[in-house]
Protein backbone atom coordinates (compact mmCIF):
# COMPACT_ATOMS: atom_id res chain seq x y z
CA MET A 1 42.23 49.36 46.50
CA ASN A 2 43.06 53.01 47.01
CA LEU A 3 43.79 54.46 43.40
CA GLU A 4 44.68 57.88 44.82
CA GLN A 5 47.74 56.75 46.71
CA LEU A 6 50.83 55.44 45.05
CA PRO A 7 52.76 52.62 46.73
CA ASP A 8 56.22 53.63 48.01
CA ASN A 9 58.29 51.26 45.98
CA LEU A 10 57.17 51.99 42.49
CA PRO A 11 59.92 51.88 39.85
CA THR A 12 60.88 55.24 38.46
CA PRO A 13 60.57 55.59 34.65
CA LYS A 14 63.73 56.62 32.77
CA ASP A 15 63.89 59.05 29.93
CA ASP A 16 64.45 56.64 27.03
CA GLY A 17 64.39 59.47 24.42
CA ALA A 18 60.98 58.41 23.01
CA SER A 19 59.68 62.01 23.28
CA ASP A 20 62.77 63.79 21.93
CA HIS A 21 61.37 64.26 18.45
CA LEU A 22 58.12 65.84 19.58
CA ALA A 23 58.95 69.54 20.45
CA GLU A 24 57.84 71.87 17.71
CA LEU A 25 56.12 69.19 15.79
CA LYS A 26 52.58 69.96 14.33
CA PHE A 27 49.89 68.21 16.27
CA PRO A 28 47.68 66.18 13.88
CA ASP A 29 44.17 67.49 13.02
CA SER A 30 42.80 64.23 14.53
CA GLY A 31 39.52 64.54 16.38
CA PHE A 32 38.98 62.53 19.61
CA THR A 33 35.55 61.75 21.24
CA ALA A 34 35.28 63.52 24.66
CA THR A 35 33.47 62.19 27.66
CA ASN A 36 30.60 64.61 26.84
CA GLY A 37 30.29 63.04 23.37
CA GLU A 38 31.80 66.02 21.51
CA LEU A 39 34.55 65.74 19.01
CA VAL A 40 37.62 67.57 20.17
CA GLN A 41 40.52 68.55 17.80
CA PRO A 42 43.45 69.82 20.09
CA ALA A 43 45.33 71.25 16.97
CA THR A 44 42.55 73.64 16.03
CA LEU A 45 42.04 75.14 19.55
CA ASP A 46 43.07 78.73 20.35
CA GLY A 47 45.40 79.49 23.23
CA MET A 48 47.43 76.80 25.18
CA THR A 49 46.17 73.29 25.37
CA VAL A 50 47.55 70.86 28.02
CA LEU A 51 47.08 67.27 26.76
CA TYR A 52 48.00 64.74 29.53
CA ILE A 53 48.27 61.25 28.08
CA TYR A 54 47.99 58.40 30.42
CA PRO A 55 47.97 54.56 30.25
CA MET A 56 44.51 53.79 31.72
CA THR A 57 42.29 54.80 34.70
CA GLY A 58 41.59 52.09 37.21
CA ARG A 59 38.33 51.44 38.92
CA PRO A 60 37.95 50.79 42.59
CA ASP A 61 35.98 47.58 41.89
CA THR A 62 38.34 46.18 39.20
CA PRO A 63 41.74 44.82 39.80
CA LEU A 64 44.66 46.38 38.01
CA PRO A 65 46.71 44.17 35.67
CA ASP A 66 48.95 41.77 37.73
CA ASP A 67 52.20 43.49 36.89
CA TRP A 68 50.89 46.97 36.91
CA ASP A 69 53.16 48.24 39.92
CA THR A 70 56.28 46.75 38.31
CA ILE A 71 55.90 48.67 35.04
CA PRO A 72 57.81 52.05 35.38
CA GLY A 73 55.35 54.93 35.10
CA ALA A 74 52.23 52.83 34.77
CA ARG A 75 50.69 53.40 38.09
CA GLY A 76 49.42 56.88 38.99
CA CYS A 77 46.59 57.86 36.48
CA THR A 78 44.22 58.88 39.29
CA PRO A 79 46.74 61.12 41.20
CA GLN A 80 47.56 62.68 37.90
CA SER A 81 44.08 63.41 36.98
CA CYS A 82 43.29 64.68 40.56
CA SER A 83 46.31 67.02 40.38
CA PHE A 84 45.00 68.57 37.12
CA ARG A 85 41.56 68.87 38.79
CA ASP A 86 43.12 70.64 41.80
CA HIS A 87 45.11 73.05 39.59
CA THR A 88 42.18 73.97 37.32
CA THR A 89 41.81 77.48 38.58
CA GLU A 90 45.57 78.26 38.06
CA LEU A 91 45.56 76.63 34.57
CA GLN A 92 42.44 78.62 33.61
CA GLN A 93 44.19 81.88 34.90
CA LEU A 94 46.95 81.02 32.59
CA ASN A 95 44.55 80.70 29.63
CA ALA A 96 45.18 76.99 29.38
CA ARG A 97 42.63 74.25 28.73
CA VAL A 98 43.15 70.74 30.02
CA PHE A 99 42.26 67.33 28.44
CA GLY A 100 43.30 63.92 29.49
CA LEU A 101 43.62 61.33 26.78
CA SER A 102 43.99 57.49 26.94
CA SER A 103 43.13 54.53 24.69
CA GLN A 104 40.03 53.65 26.85
CA THR A 105 36.56 54.19 25.53
CA SER A 106 34.63 57.33 26.49
CA ASP A 107 32.14 55.12 28.41
CA TYR A 108 34.96 53.79 30.57
CA GLN A 109 36.48 57.33 31.07
CA ARG A 110 33.10 58.80 31.99
CA GLU A 111 33.11 56.69 35.08
CA ALA A 112 36.47 58.10 36.22
CA GLN A 113 35.36 61.67 35.23
CA GLN A 114 32.42 61.56 37.35
CA ARG A 115 33.96 59.69 40.41
CA LEU A 116 36.88 61.96 40.47
CA HIS A 117 34.85 65.11 39.74
CA LEU A 118 37.08 66.17 36.88
CA PRO A 119 35.95 69.58 35.48
CA PHE A 120 37.63 68.82 32.12
CA GLN A 121 36.90 66.29 29.42
CA LEU A 122 38.80 63.06 28.91
CA LEU A 123 39.51 61.99 25.23
CA SER A 124 39.41 58.66 23.92
CA ASP A 125 41.95 57.18 21.40
CA PRO A 126 41.02 53.48 21.19
CA SER A 127 43.02 53.03 17.96
CA LEU A 128 46.17 54.60 19.35
CA SER A 129 46.18 56.94 16.41
CA LEU A 130 48.65 59.26 18.27
CA LYS A 131 51.09 56.34 18.42
CA SER A 132 51.00 56.38 14.66
CA THR A 133 51.01 59.98 13.95
CA LEU A 134 53.29 61.28 16.54
CA GLN A 135 55.11 58.04 17.36
CA LEU A 136 54.11 58.25 21.00
CA PRO A 137 55.55 55.68 23.39
CA THR A 138 53.42 52.78 24.36
CA PHE A 139 53.80 49.51 26.46
CA THR A 140 51.95 46.17 26.47
CA THR A 141 50.49 44.33 29.49
CA SER A 142 47.77 41.82 29.92
CA GLY A 143 47.16 41.85 26.24
CA MET A 144 46.52 45.57 26.13
CA GLU A 145 48.78 48.22 24.35
CA LEU A 146 48.67 51.50 26.36
CA TYR A 147 50.21 54.77 26.09
CA ARG A 148 53.21 55.71 28.35
CA ARG A 149 52.49 58.71 30.46
CA ILE A 150 53.31 61.98 28.60
CA THR A 151 52.08 65.57 28.78
CA LEU A 152 52.00 67.85 25.75
CA ILE A 153 51.57 71.65 25.70
CA ILE A 154 50.04 72.66 22.31
CA SER A 155 49.80 76.18 21.08
CA ARG A 156 48.36 77.13 17.69
CA GLY A 157 48.53 73.46 16.58
CA THR A 158 52.11 73.06 17.53
CA ILE A 159 53.59 71.09 20.41
CA VAL A 160 55.62 73.64 22.35
CA ASN A 161 56.65 71.64 25.36
CA VAL A 162 56.84 68.04 26.31
CA PHE A 163 56.83 66.42 29.87
CA TYR A 164 58.25 62.95 29.61
CA PRO A 165 58.68 60.77 31.57
CA VAL A 166 56.08 62.02 33.99
CA PHE A 167 56.90 60.99 37.54
CA PRO A 168 55.58 61.26 40.14
CA PRO A 169 52.38 61.74 38.26
CA GLY A 170 50.75 63.79 41.07
CA ASP A 171 53.35 66.51 40.41
CA ASN A 172 52.63 66.80 36.73
CA ALA A 173 50.01 69.59 36.91
CA ARG A 174 52.19 71.64 39.32
CA ASN A 175 55.10 71.37 36.87
CA VAL A 176 52.83 72.37 33.98
CA VAL A 177 51.66 75.44 35.87
CA ARG A 178 55.27 76.40 36.59
CA TRP A 179 56.19 76.07 32.90
CA LEU A 180 53.14 78.10 31.82
CA GLN A 181 53.87 80.82 34.25
CA SER A 182 57.48 80.98 33.05
CA HIS A 183 56.33 81.01 29.48
CA SER A 184 53.81 83.78 29.95
CA ARG A 185 56.38 85.88 31.68
CA SER A 186 59.04 85.33 28.95
CA SER A 187 56.58 85.93 26.08
CA GLY A 188 54.71 88.84 27.67
């Protein structure tokens, strides 16, 4: 199974309005365990923070849920993560730090971080705390409740931009870079 390539016939997620309330909201002071074991509180970080939230990372040796390719927006966590990896230098030049976040444990995420050579930390939210505090959209499959793919730009503890739905996921980092470039020009 090649997790880096998306099938051609994936259903496109539609904007269901589930993120409309997020712009200009304060990000909660919640802390999340990172793959390096540290506690990260995105709301307290200086500068711009890009938090891409994804359903789950697949593993080459583990089958995805049976209906995975029929759920709009579910497939593509590996291309999205690799895209942020490949745009790391541009994001750093724009003074933005990147984190991925899912409901998976840090141990599970650590495998993906190492296999994909991700130069940033993945954050674990196994209790779906952001679903409660920010009313983030989720879906259920194979008995698991998972986040829908969404990317938040956080500055000084406030969500300043939202990318939702994110499709195709491999374009997310490029779109974030474009937004950050435009934002830095307009505020500079």
